[in-house]
All heavy atoms as atom14 arrays in JSON, in Angstrom:
{
  "sequence": "GIVLGGIITTFIGWRYIFYINVPVGLIGFVFALLYIKDNKRTETKI",
  "atom14_mask": [
    [1, 1, 1, 1, 0, 0, 0, 0, 0, 0, 0, 0, 0, 0],
    [1, 1, 1, 1, 1, 1, 1, 1, 0, 0, 0, 0, 0, 0],
    [1, 1, 1, 1, 1, 1, 1, 0, 0, 0, 0, 0, 0, 0],
    [1, 1, 1, 1, 1, 1, 1, 1, 0, 0, 0, 0, 0, 0],
    [1, 1, 1, 1, 0, 0, 0, 0, 0, 0, 0, 0, 0, 0],
    [1, 1, 1, 1, 0, 0, 0, 0, 0, 0, 0, 0, 0, 0],
    [1, 1, 1, 1, 1, 1, 1, 1, 0, 0, 0, 0, 0, 0],
    [1, 1, 1, 1, 1, 1, 1, 1, 0, 0, 0, 0, 0, 0],
    [1, 1, 1, 1, 1, 1, 1, 0, 0, 0, 0, 0, 0, 0],
    [1, 1, 1, 1, 1, 1, 1, 0, 0, 0, 0, 0, 0, 0],
    [1, 1, 1, 1, 1, 1, 1, 1, 1, 1, 1, 0, 0, 0],
    [1, 1, 1, 1, 1, 1, 1, 1, 0, 0, 0, 0, 0, 0],
    [1, 1, 1, 1, 0, 0, 0, 0, 0, 0, 0, 0, 0, 0],
    [1, 1, 1, 1, 1, 1, 1, 1, 1, 1, 1, 1, 1, 1],
    [1, 1, 1, 1, 1, 1, 1, 1, 1, 1, 1, 0, 0, 0],
    [1, 1, 1, 1, 1, 1, 1, 1, 1, 1, 1, 1, 0, 0],
    [1, 1, 1, 1, 1, 1, 1, 1, 0, 0, 0, 0, 0, 0],
    [1, 1, 1, 1, 1, 1, 1, 1, 1, 1, 1, 0, 0, 0],
    [1, 1, 1, 1, 1, 1, 1, 1, 1, 1, 1, 1, 0, 0],
    [1, 1, 1, 1, 1, 1, 1, 1, 0, 0, 0, 0, 0, 0],
    [1, 1, 1, 1, 1, 1, 1, 1, 0, 0, 0, 0, 0, 0],
    [1, 1, 1, 1, 1, 1, 1, 0, 0, 0, 0, 0, 0, 0],
    [1, 1, 1, 1, 1, 1, 1, 0, 0, 0, 0, 0, 0, 0],
    [1, 1, 1, 1, 1, 1, 1, 0, 0, 0, 0, 0, 0, 0],
    [1, 1, 1, 1, 0, 0, 0, 0, 0, 0, 0, 0, 0, 0],
    [1, 1, 1, 1, 1, 1, 1, 1, 0, 0, 0, 0, 0, 0],
    [1, 1, 1, 1, 1, 1, 1, 1, 0, 0, 0, 0, 0, 0],
    [1, 1, 1, 1, 0, 0, 0, 0, 0, 0, 0, 0, 0, 0],
    [1, 1, 1, 1, 1, 1, 1, 1, 1, 1, 1, 0, 0, 0],
    [1, 1, 1, 1, 1, 1, 1, 0, 0, 0, 0, 0, 0, 0],
    [1, 1, 1, 1, 1, 1, 1, 1, 1, 1, 1, 0, 0, 0],
    [1, 1, 1, 1, 1, 0, 0, 0, 0, 0, 0, 0, 0, 0],
    [1, 1, 1, 1, 1, 1, 1, 1, 0, 0, 0, 0, 0, 0],
    [1, 1, 1, 1, 1, 1, 1, 1, 0, 0, 0, 0, 0, 0],
    [1, 1, 1, 1, 1, 1, 1, 1, 1, 1, 1, 1, 0, 0],
    [1, 1, 1, 1, 1, 1, 1, 1, 0, 0, 0, 0, 0, 0],
    [1, 1, 1, 1, 1, 1, 1, 1, 1, 0, 0, 0, 0, 0],
    [1, 1, 1, 1, 1, 1, 1, 1, 0, 0, 0, 0, 0, 0],
    [1, 1, 1, 1, 1, 1, 1, 1, 0, 0, 0, 0, 0, 0],
    [1, 1, 1, 1, 1, 1, 1, 1, 1, 0, 0, 0, 0, 0],
    [1, 1, 1, 1, 1, 1, 1, 1, 1, 1, 1, 0, 0, 0],
    [1, 1, 1, 1, 1, 1, 1, 0, 0, 0, 0, 0, 0, 0],
    [1, 1, 1, 1, 1, 1, 1, 1, 1, 0, 0, 0, 0, 0],
    [1, 1, 1, 1, 1, 1, 1, 0, 0, 0, 0, 0, 0, 0],
    [1, 1, 1, 1, 1, 1, 1, 1, 1, 0, 0, 0, 0, 0],
    [1, 1, 1, 1, 1, 1, 1, 1, 0, 0, 0, 0, 0, 0]
  ],
  "atom14_positions": [
    [[218.03, -9.66, 33.53], [218.69, -8.51, 32.94], [219.89, -8.06, 33.75], [220.97, -7.78, 33.21], [0.0, 0.0, 0.0], [0.0, 0.0, 0.0], [0.0, 0.0, 0.0], [0.0, 0.0, 0.0], [0.0, 0.0, 0.0], [0.0, 0.0, 0.0], [0.0, 0.0, 0.0], [0.0, 0.0, 0.0], [0.0, 0.0, 0.0], [0.0, 0.0, 0.0]],
    [[219.7, -7.98, 35.07], [220.8, -7.55, 35.94], [221.96, -8.53, 35.89], [223.11, -8.16, 35.68], [220.29, -7.4, 37.39], [219.18, -6.36, 37.47], [221.43, -7.01, 38.33], [218.43, -6.37, 38.77], [0.0, 0.0, 0.0], [0.0, 0.0, 0.0], [0.0, 0.0, 0.0], [0.0, 0.0, 0.0], [0.0, 0.0, 0.0], [0.0, 0.0, 0.0]],
    [[221.64, -9.82, 36.08], [222.7, -10.83, 36.14], [223.35, -11.04, 34.78], [224.58, -11.07, 34.65], [222.13, -12.16, 36.67], [223.21, -13.23, 36.66], [221.59, -11.97, 38.07], [0.0, 0.0, 0.0], [0.0, 0.0, 0.0], [0.0, 0.0, 0.0], [0.0, 0.0, 0.0], [0.0, 0.0, 0.0], [0.0, 0.0, 0.0], [0.0, 0.0, 0.0]],
    [[222.52, -11.18, 33.72], [223.07, -11.4, 32.39], [223.92, -10.23, 31.94], [224.95, -10.41, 31.28], [221.94, -11.64, 31.39], [221.22, -12.99, 31.47], [220.07, -13.04, 30.47], [222.19, -14.13, 31.21], [0.0, 0.0, 0.0], [0.0, 0.0, 0.0], [0.0, 0.0, 0.0], [0.0, 0.0, 0.0], [0.0, 0.0, 0.0], [0.0, 0.0, 0.0]],
    [[223.47, -8.99, 32.3], [224.26, -7.83, 31.92], [225.67, -7.9, 32.47], [226.64, -7.58, 31.78], [0.0, 0.0, 0.0], [0.0, 0.0, 0.0], [0.0, 0.0, 0.0], [0.0, 0.0, 0.0], [0.0, 0.0, 0.0], [0.0, 0.0, 0.0], [0.0, 0.0, 0.0], [0.0, 0.0, 0.0], [0.0, 0.0, 0.0], [0.0, 0.0, 0.0]],
    [[225.78, -8.33, 33.73], [227.1, -8.45, 34.35], [227.9, -9.61, 33.79], [229.07, -9.45, 33.43], [0.0, 0.0, 0.0], [0.0, 0.0, 0.0], [0.0, 0.0, 0.0], [0.0, 0.0, 0.0], [0.0, 0.0, 0.0], [0.0, 0.0, 0.0], [0.0, 0.0, 0.0], [0.0, 0.0, 0.0], [0.0, 0.0, 0.0], [0.0, 0.0, 0.0]],
    [[227.27, -10.77, 33.68], [227.99, -11.97, 33.23], [228.43, -11.84, 31.77], [229.6, -12.08, 31.43], [227.11, -13.22, 33.4], [226.87, -13.5, 34.89], [227.75, -14.42, 32.73], [225.91, -14.64, 35.15], [0.0, 0.0, 0.0], [0.0, 0.0, 0.0], [0.0, 0.0, 0.0], [0.0, 0.0, 0.0], [0.0, 0.0, 0.0], [0.0, 0.0, 0.0]],
    [[227.5, -11.46, 30.9], [227.82, -11.38, 29.47], [228.87, -10.3, 29.21], [229.82, -10.51, 28.45], [226.54, -11.11, 28.64], [225.61, -12.32, 28.73], [226.9, -10.84, 27.18], [224.26, -12.1, 28.07], [0.0, 0.0, 0.0], [0.0, 0.0, 0.0], [0.0, 0.0, 0.0], [0.0, 0.0, 0.0], [0.0, 0.0, 0.0], [0.0, 0.0, 0.0]],
    [[228.7, -9.14, 29.85], [229.67, -8.07, 29.64], [231.06, -8.47, 30.14], [232.07, -8.18, 29.5], [229.22, -6.79, 30.37], [227.93, -6.41, 29.86], [230.21, -5.66, 30.16], [0.0, 0.0, 0.0], [0.0, 0.0, 0.0], [0.0, 0.0, 0.0], [0.0, 0.0, 0.0], [0.0, 0.0, 0.0], [0.0, 0.0, 0.0], [0.0, 0.0, 0.0]],
    [[231.1, -9.17, 31.28], [232.38, -9.55, 31.88], [233.09, -10.64, 31.09], [234.3, -10.57, 30.85], [232.17, -10.02, 33.34], [231.57, -8.97, 34.08], [233.5, -10.39, 33.98], [0.0, 0.0, 0.0], [0.0, 0.0, 0.0], [0.0, 0.0, 0.0], [0.0, 0.0, 0.0], [0.0, 0.0, 0.0], [0.0, 0.0, 0.0], [0.0, 0.0, 0.0]],
    [[232.34, -11.66, 30.64], [232.98, -12.83, 30.07], [232.89, -12.95, 28.55], [233.65, -13.7, 27.93], [232.4, -14.1, 30.7], [232.63, -14.19, 32.18], [231.59, -13.99, 33.08], [233.9, -14.44, 32.68], [231.8, -14.06, 34.45], [234.12, -14.51, 34.04], [233.08, -14.32, 34.94], [0.0, 0.0, 0.0], [0.0, 0.0, 0.0], [0.0, 0.0, 0.0]],
    [[231.96, -12.23, 27.92], [231.79, -12.35, 26.47], [231.98, -11.0, 25.77], [232.71, -10.9, 24.8], [230.41, -12.94, 26.1], [230.2, -14.28, 26.81], [230.28, -13.11, 24.59], [228.83, -14.89, 26.58], [0.0, 0.0, 0.0], [0.0, 0.0, 0.0], [0.0, 0.0, 0.0], [0.0, 0.0, 0.0], [0.0, 0.0, 0.0], [0.0, 0.0, 0.0]],
    [[231.34, -9.97, 26.27], [231.41, -8.65, 25.64], [230.05, -7.99, 25.66], [229.02, -8.66, 25.54], [0.0, 0.0, 0.0], [0.0, 0.0, 0.0], [0.0, 0.0, 0.0], [0.0, 0.0, 0.0], [0.0, 0.0, 0.0], [0.0, 0.0, 0.0], [0.0, 0.0, 0.0], [0.0, 0.0, 0.0], [0.0, 0.0, 0.0], [0.0, 0.0, 0.0]],
    [[230.03, -6.66, 25.79], [228.76, -5.95, 25.97], [227.82, -6.09, 24.78], [226.6, -6.03, 24.93], [229.01, -4.47, 26.27], [229.58, -3.67, 25.11], [230.89, -3.41, 24.85], [228.83, -3.04, 24.05], [231.03, -2.66, 23.71], [229.78, -2.4, 23.2], [227.49, -2.93, 23.74], [229.41, -1.68, 22.07], [227.12, -2.21, 22.61], [228.07, -1.6, 21.79]],
    [[228.35, -6.28, 23.58], [227.48, -6.35, 22.4], [226.52, -7.54, 22.48], [225.41, -7.49, 21.93], [228.33, -6.44, 21.13], [229.18, -5.18, 20.9], [229.95, -5.23, 19.6], [230.83, -4.08, 19.48], [230.45, -2.87, 19.07], [229.19, -2.68, 18.71], [231.31, -1.88, 18.99], [0.0, 0.0, 0.0], [0.0, 0.0, 0.0], [0.0, 0.0, 0.0]],
    [[226.92, -8.57, 23.2], [226.09, -9.78, 23.26], [224.92, -9.65, 24.23], [224.04, -10.52, 24.24], [226.96, -10.99, 23.6], [227.83, -11.4, 22.44], [229.09, -10.82, 22.27], [227.38, -12.31, 21.5], [229.88, -11.16, 21.18], [228.17, -12.67, 20.42], [229.42, -12.08, 20.26], [230.19, -12.41, 19.18], [0.0, 0.0, 0.0], [0.0, 0.0, 0.0]],
    [[224.89, -8.57, 25.04], [223.7, -8.35, 25.85], [222.51, -8.0, 24.95], [221.35, -8.15, 25.35], [223.9, -7.26, 26.92], [224.1, -5.89, 26.28], [225.04, -7.61, 27.85], [224.23, -4.76, 27.29], [0.0, 0.0, 0.0], [0.0, 0.0, 0.0], [0.0, 0.0, 0.0], [0.0, 0.0, 0.0], [0.0, 0.0, 0.0], [0.0, 0.0, 0.0]],
    [[222.81, -7.55, 23.72], [221.76, -7.28, 22.74], [221.59, -8.44, 21.76], [220.46, -8.79, 21.39], [222.08, -5.99, 21.98], [222.22, -4.79, 22.87], [223.45, -4.17, 23.03], [221.14, -4.28, 23.57], [223.6, -3.07, 23.85], [221.26, -3.19, 24.4], [222.5, -2.58, 24.54], [0.0, 0.0, 0.0], [0.0, 0.0, 0.0], [0.0, 0.0, 0.0]],
    [[222.69, -9.05, 21.34], [222.6, -10.16, 20.39], [221.81, -11.33, 20.96], [221.17, -12.08, 20.2], [224.0, -10.64, 20.02], [224.77, -9.7, 19.11], [226.16, -9.62, 19.2], [224.12, -8.93, 18.15], [226.88, -8.77, 18.36], [224.82, -8.08, 17.32], [226.2, -8.0, 17.43], [226.9, -7.16, 16.61], [0.0, 0.0, 0.0], [0.0, 0.0, 0.0]],
    [[221.81, -11.5, 22.28], [221.1, -12.64, 22.89], [219.6, -12.58, 22.62], [218.91, -13.6, 22.62], [221.38, -12.7, 24.41], [220.95, -14.06, 24.98], [220.68, -11.57, 25.14], [221.28, -14.24, 26.45], [0.0, 0.0, 0.0], [0.0, 0.0, 0.0], [0.0, 0.0, 0.0], [0.0, 0.0, 0.0], [0.0, 0.0, 0.0], [0.0, 0.0, 0.0]],
    [[219.08, -11.37, 22.35], [217.64, -11.24, 22.07], [217.23, -11.83, 20.73], [216.06, -12.14, 20.53], [217.25, -9.76, 22.08], [217.29, -9.15, 23.46], [216.91, -9.79, 24.43], [217.76, -7.92, 23.56], [0.0, 0.0, 0.0], [0.0, 0.0, 0.0], [0.0, 0.0, 0.0], [0.0, 0.0, 0.0], [0.0, 0.0, 0.0], [0.0, 0.0, 0.0]],
    [[218.18, -11.97, 19.82], [217.83, -12.41, 18.47], [217.29, -13.85, 18.45], [216.16, -14.08, 17.97], [219.03, -12.25, 17.52], [218.67, -12.79, 16.13], [219.43, -10.77, 17.41], [0.0, 0.0, 0.0], [0.0, 0.0, 0.0], [0.0, 0.0, 0.0], [0.0, 0.0, 0.0], [0.0, 0.0, 0.0], [0.0, 0.0, 0.0], [0.0, 0.0, 0.0]],
    [[217.99, -14.84, 18.97], [217.42, -16.21, 18.95], [216.19, -16.35, 19.83], [215.23, -17.04, 19.45], [218.58, -17.08, 19.46], [219.48, -16.16, 20.22], [219.37, -14.84, 19.53], [0.0, 0.0, 0.0], [0.0, 0.0, 0.0], [0.0, 0.0, 0.0], [0.0, 0.0, 0.0], [0.0, 0.0, 0.0], [0.0, 0.0, 0.0], [0.0, 0.0, 0.0]],
    [[216.2, -15.7, 21.01], [215.03, -15.79, 21.89], [213.82, -15.15, 21.23], [212.69, -15.67, 21.26], [215.32, -15.13, 23.25], [214.07, -15.16, 24.14], [216.48, -15.82, 23.95], [0.0, 0.0, 0.0], [0.0, 0.0, 0.0], [0.0, 0.0, 0.0], [0.0, 0.0, 0.0], [0.0, 0.0, 0.0], [0.0, 0.0, 0.0], [0.0, 0.0, 0.0]],
    [[214.04, -13.99, 20.6], [212.95, -13.3, 19.92], [212.38, -14.1, 18.77], [211.17, -14.09, 18.53], [0.0, 0.0, 0.0], [0.0, 0.0, 0.0], [0.0, 0.0, 0.0], [0.0, 0.0, 0.0], [0.0, 0.0, 0.0], [0.0, 0.0, 0.0], [0.0, 0.0, 0.0], [0.0, 0.0, 0.0], [0.0, 0.0, 0.0], [0.0, 0.0, 0.0]],
    [[213.23, -14.81, 18.04], [212.75, -15.64, 16.93], [211.85, -16.77, 17.42], [210.86, -17.11, 16.77], [213.94, -16.2, 16.15], [214.7, -15.2, 15.27], [215.96, -15.84, 14.69], [213.8, -14.67, 14.15], [0.0, 0.0, 0.0], [0.0, 0.0, 0.0], [0.0, 0.0, 0.0], [0.0, 0.0, 0.0], [0.0, 0.0, 0.0], [0.0, 0.0, 0.0]],
    [[212.19, -17.34, 18.57], [211.33, -18.39, 19.15], [209.96, -17.81, 19.5], [208.92, -18.39, 19.18], [212.0, -18.99, 20.4], [213.27, -19.75, 20.02], [211.03, -19.93, 21.14], [214.1, -20.21, 21.21], [0.0, 0.0, 0.0], [0.0, 0.0, 0.0], [0.0, 0.0, 0.0], [0.0, 0.0, 0.0], [0.0, 0.0, 0.0], [0.0, 0.0, 0.0]],
    [[209.96, -16.66, 20.16], [208.7, -16.01, 20.51], [207.89, -15.64, 19.29], [206.65, -15.78, 19.27], [0.0, 0.0, 0.0], [0.0, 0.0, 0.0], [0.0, 0.0, 0.0], [0.0, 0.0, 0.0], [0.0, 0.0, 0.0], [0.0, 0.0, 0.0], [0.0, 0.0, 0.0], [0.0, 0.0, 0.0], [0.0, 0.0, 0.0], [0.0, 0.0, 0.0]],
    [[208.57, -15.18, 18.23], [207.88, -14.8, 17.0], [207.18, -15.99, 16.36], [206.03, -15.89, 15.9], [208.89, -14.19, 16.02], [208.33, -13.95, 14.65], [207.42, -12.92, 14.43], [208.69, -14.75, 13.58], [206.89, -12.69, 13.16], [208.17, -14.54, 12.32], [207.27, -13.5, 12.1], [0.0, 0.0, 0.0], [0.0, 0.0, 0.0], [0.0, 0.0, 0.0]],
    [[207.85, -17.13, 16.33], [207.25, -18.34, 15.74], [206.0, -18.75, 16.51], [204.95, -19.07, 15.92], [208.28, -19.49, 15.7], [207.6, -20.8, 15.31], [209.41, -19.16, 14.72], [0.0, 0.0, 0.0], [0.0, 0.0, 0.0], [0.0, 0.0, 0.0], [0.0, 0.0, 0.0], [0.0, 0.0, 0.0], [0.0, 0.0, 0.0], [0.0, 0.0, 0.0]],
    [[206.09, -18.77, 17.84], [204.92, -19.1, 18.66], [203.77, -18.13, 18.4], [202.61, -18.54, 18.26], [205.3, -19.08, 20.15], [205.81, -20.39, 20.67], [207.17, -20.65, 20.7], [204.95, -21.37, 21.12], [207.66, -21.86, 21.17], [205.41, -22.58, 21.6], [206.78, -22.83, 21.62], [0.0, 0.0, 0.0], [0.0, 0.0, 0.0], [0.0, 0.0, 0.0]],
    [[204.09, -16.82, 18.39], [203.05, -15.82, 18.18], [202.42, -15.95, 16.8], [201.19, -15.84, 16.64], [203.63, -14.42, 18.36], [0.0, 0.0, 0.0], [0.0, 0.0, 0.0], [0.0, 0.0, 0.0], [0.0, 0.0, 0.0], [0.0, 0.0, 0.0], [0.0, 0.0, 0.0], [0.0, 0.0, 0.0], [0.0, 0.0, 0.0], [0.0, 0.0, 0.0]],
    [[203.25, -16.2, 15.79], [202.75, -16.32, 14.43], [201.8, -17.51, 14.28], [200.78, -17.44, 13.58], [203.93, -16.48, 13.47], [203.63, -16.37, 11.97], [203.13, -14.97, 11.63], [204.88, -16.69, 11.16], [0.0, 0.0, 0.0], [0.0, 0.0, 0.0], [0.0, 0.0, 0.0], [0.0, 0.0, 0.0], [0.0, 0.0, 0.0], [0.0, 0.0, 0.0]],
    [[202.1, -18.6, 14.98], [201.31, -19.81, 14.85], [200.03, -19.78, 15.68], [199.0, -20.33, 15.25], [202.16, -21.03, 15.26], [203.31, -21.4, 14.33], [204.12, -22.55, 14.93], [202.79, -21.79, 12.95], [0.0, 0.0, 0.0], [0.0, 0.0, 0.0], [0.0, 0.0, 0.0], [0.0, 0.0, 0.0], [0.0, 0.0, 0.0], [0.0, 0.0, 0.0]],
    [[200.06, -19.14, 16.85], [198.97, -19.35, 17.8], [198.18, -18.11, 18.2], [197.06, -18.22, 18.69], [199.52, -20.03, 19.06], [200.19, -21.35, 18.77], [201.56, -21.5, 18.91], [199.44, -22.44, 18.31], [202.18, -22.72, 18.61], [200.05, -23.65, 18.01], [201.41, -23.79, 18.17], [202.01, -24.98, 17.87], [0.0, 0.0, 0.0], [0.0, 0.0, 0.0]],
    [[198.74, -16.92, 18.03], [197.99, -15.72, 18.41], [197.31, -15.15, 17.18], [197.97, -14.67, 16.26], [198.92, -14.65, 19.06], [199.52, -15.2, 20.35], [198.13, -13.37, 19.35], [200.44, -14.23, 21.05], [0.0, 0.0, 0.0], [0.0, 0.0, 0.0], [0.0, 0.0, 0.0], [0.0, 0.0, 0.0], [0.0, 0.0, 0.0], [0.0, 0.0, 0.0]],
    [[196.01, -15.23, 17.16], [195.24, -14.75, 16.02], [194.65, -13.38, 16.34], [194.53, -12.97, 17.5], [194.13, -15.74, 15.67], [194.64, -17.16, 15.43], [195.69, -17.2, 14.32], [196.2, -18.62, 14.1], [197.27, -18.66, 13.07], [0.0, 0.0, 0.0], [0.0, 0.0, 0.0], [0.0, 0.0, 0.0], [0.0, 0.0, 0.0], [0.0, 0.0, 0.0]],
    [[194.24, -12.7, 15.28], [193.68, -11.37, 15.44], [192.32, -11.4, 16.12], [191.51, -12.31, 15.89], [193.55, -10.67, 14.08], [194.89, -10.25, 13.52], [195.85, -10.16, 14.31], [194.98, -10.01, 12.3], [0.0, 0.0, 0.0], [0.0, 0.0, 0.0], [0.0, 0.0, 0.0], [0.0, 0.0, 0.0], [0.0, 0.0, 0.0], [0.0, 0.0, 0.0]],
    [[192.08, -10.39, 16.94], [190.78, -10.21, 17.58], [189.82, -9.52, 16.62], [190.2, -9.1, 15.52], [190.96, -9.33, 18.83], [191.66, -8.02, 18.47], [192.86, -8.02, 18.17], [190.92, -6.93, 18.48], [0.0, 0.0, 0.0], [0.0, 0.0, 0.0], [0.0, 0.0, 0.0], [0.0, 0.0, 0.0], [0.0, 0.0, 0.0], [0.0, 0.0, 0.0]],
    [[188.57, -9.41, 17.03], [187.62, -8.63, 16.27], [188.04, -7.17, 16.32], [188.26, -6.61, 17.39], [186.21, -8.78, 16.85], [185.15, -8.02, 16.06], [183.77, -8.22, 16.68], [182.72, -7.45, 15.9], [181.37, -7.61, 16.51], [0.0, 0.0, 0.0], [0.0, 0.0, 0.0], [0.0, 0.0, 0.0], [0.0, 0.0, 0.0], [0.0, 0.0, 0.0]],
    [[188.18, -6.53, 15.17], [188.73, -5.18, 15.11], [187.67, -4.13, 15.41], [186.48, -4.33, 15.16], [189.35, -4.93, 13.73], [190.45, -5.95, 13.41], [191.01, -5.78, 12.02], [191.87, -6.92, 11.69], [192.52, -7.04, 10.55], [192.4, -6.11, 9.62], [193.28, -8.11, 10.34], [0.0, 0.0, 0.0], [0.0, 0.0, 0.0], [0.0, 0.0, 0.0]],
    [[188.12, -3.03, 15.95], [187.22, -1.93, 16.29], [187.71, -0.65, 15.63], [188.89, -0.51, 15.3], [187.16, -1.71, 17.82], [188.49, -1.44, 18.3], [186.63, -2.94, 18.52], [0.0, 0.0, 0.0], [0.0, 0.0, 0.0], [0.0, 0.0, 0.0], [0.0, 0.0, 0.0], [0.0, 0.0, 0.0], [0.0, 0.0, 0.0], [0.0, 0.0, 0.0]],
    [[186.79, 0.26, 15.41], [187.14, 1.53, 14.79], [187.66, 2.5, 15.85], [186.95, 2.84, 16.79], [185.92, 2.13, 14.09], [185.47, 1.35, 12.86], [184.36, 2.05, 12.12], [184.06, 3.21, 12.48], [183.8, 1.45, 11.19], [0.0, 0.0, 0.0], [0.0, 0.0, 0.0], [0.0, 0.0, 0.0], [0.0, 0.0, 0.0], [0.0, 0.0, 0.0]],
    [[188.89, 2.93, 15.68], [189.5, 3.91, 16.57], [190.59, 4.62, 15.8], [190.99, 4.19, 14.72], [190.06, 3.23, 17.84], [190.55, 4.24, 18.74], [191.2, 2.28, 17.49], [0.0, 0.0, 0.0], [0.0, 0.0, 0.0], [0.0, 0.0, 0.0], [0.0, 0.0, 0.0], [0.0, 0.0, 0.0], [0.0, 0.0, 0.0], [0.0, 0.0, 0.0]],
    [[191.09, 5.73, 16.32], [192.09, 6.52, 15.63], [193.29, 6.77, 16.55], [193.19, 6.66, 17.76], [191.5, 7.85, 15.16], [190.41, 7.7, 14.09], [189.88, 9.06, 13.66], [188.8, 8.9, 12.59], [188.27, 10.22, 12.15], [0.0, 0.0, 0.0], [0.0, 0.0, 0.0], [0.0, 0.0, 0.0], [0.0, 0.0, 0.0], [0.0, 0.0, 0.0]],
    [[194.41, 7.13, 15.92], [195.63, 7.44, 16.67], [195.63, 8.92, 17.03], [195.35, 9.78, 16.19], [196.88, 7.11, 15.84], [196.87, 5.64, 15.44], [198.14, 7.44, 16.62], [196.87, 4.68, 16.59], [0.0, 0.0, 0.0], [0.0, 0.0, 0.0], [0.0, 0.0, 0.0], [0.0, 0.0, 0.0], [0.0, 0.0, 0.0], [0.0, 0.0, 0.0]]
  ]
}
């Protein structure tokens, strides 16, 4: 975060410090969707 914030802001633009999360997040989402299944649910309230 520290290094990328400096490099991306300096050489590409500050908006891309947020845009970079989109492709990385999609990879994580695919892995989670395929392999992380729901646990046994319990009764609780917010």
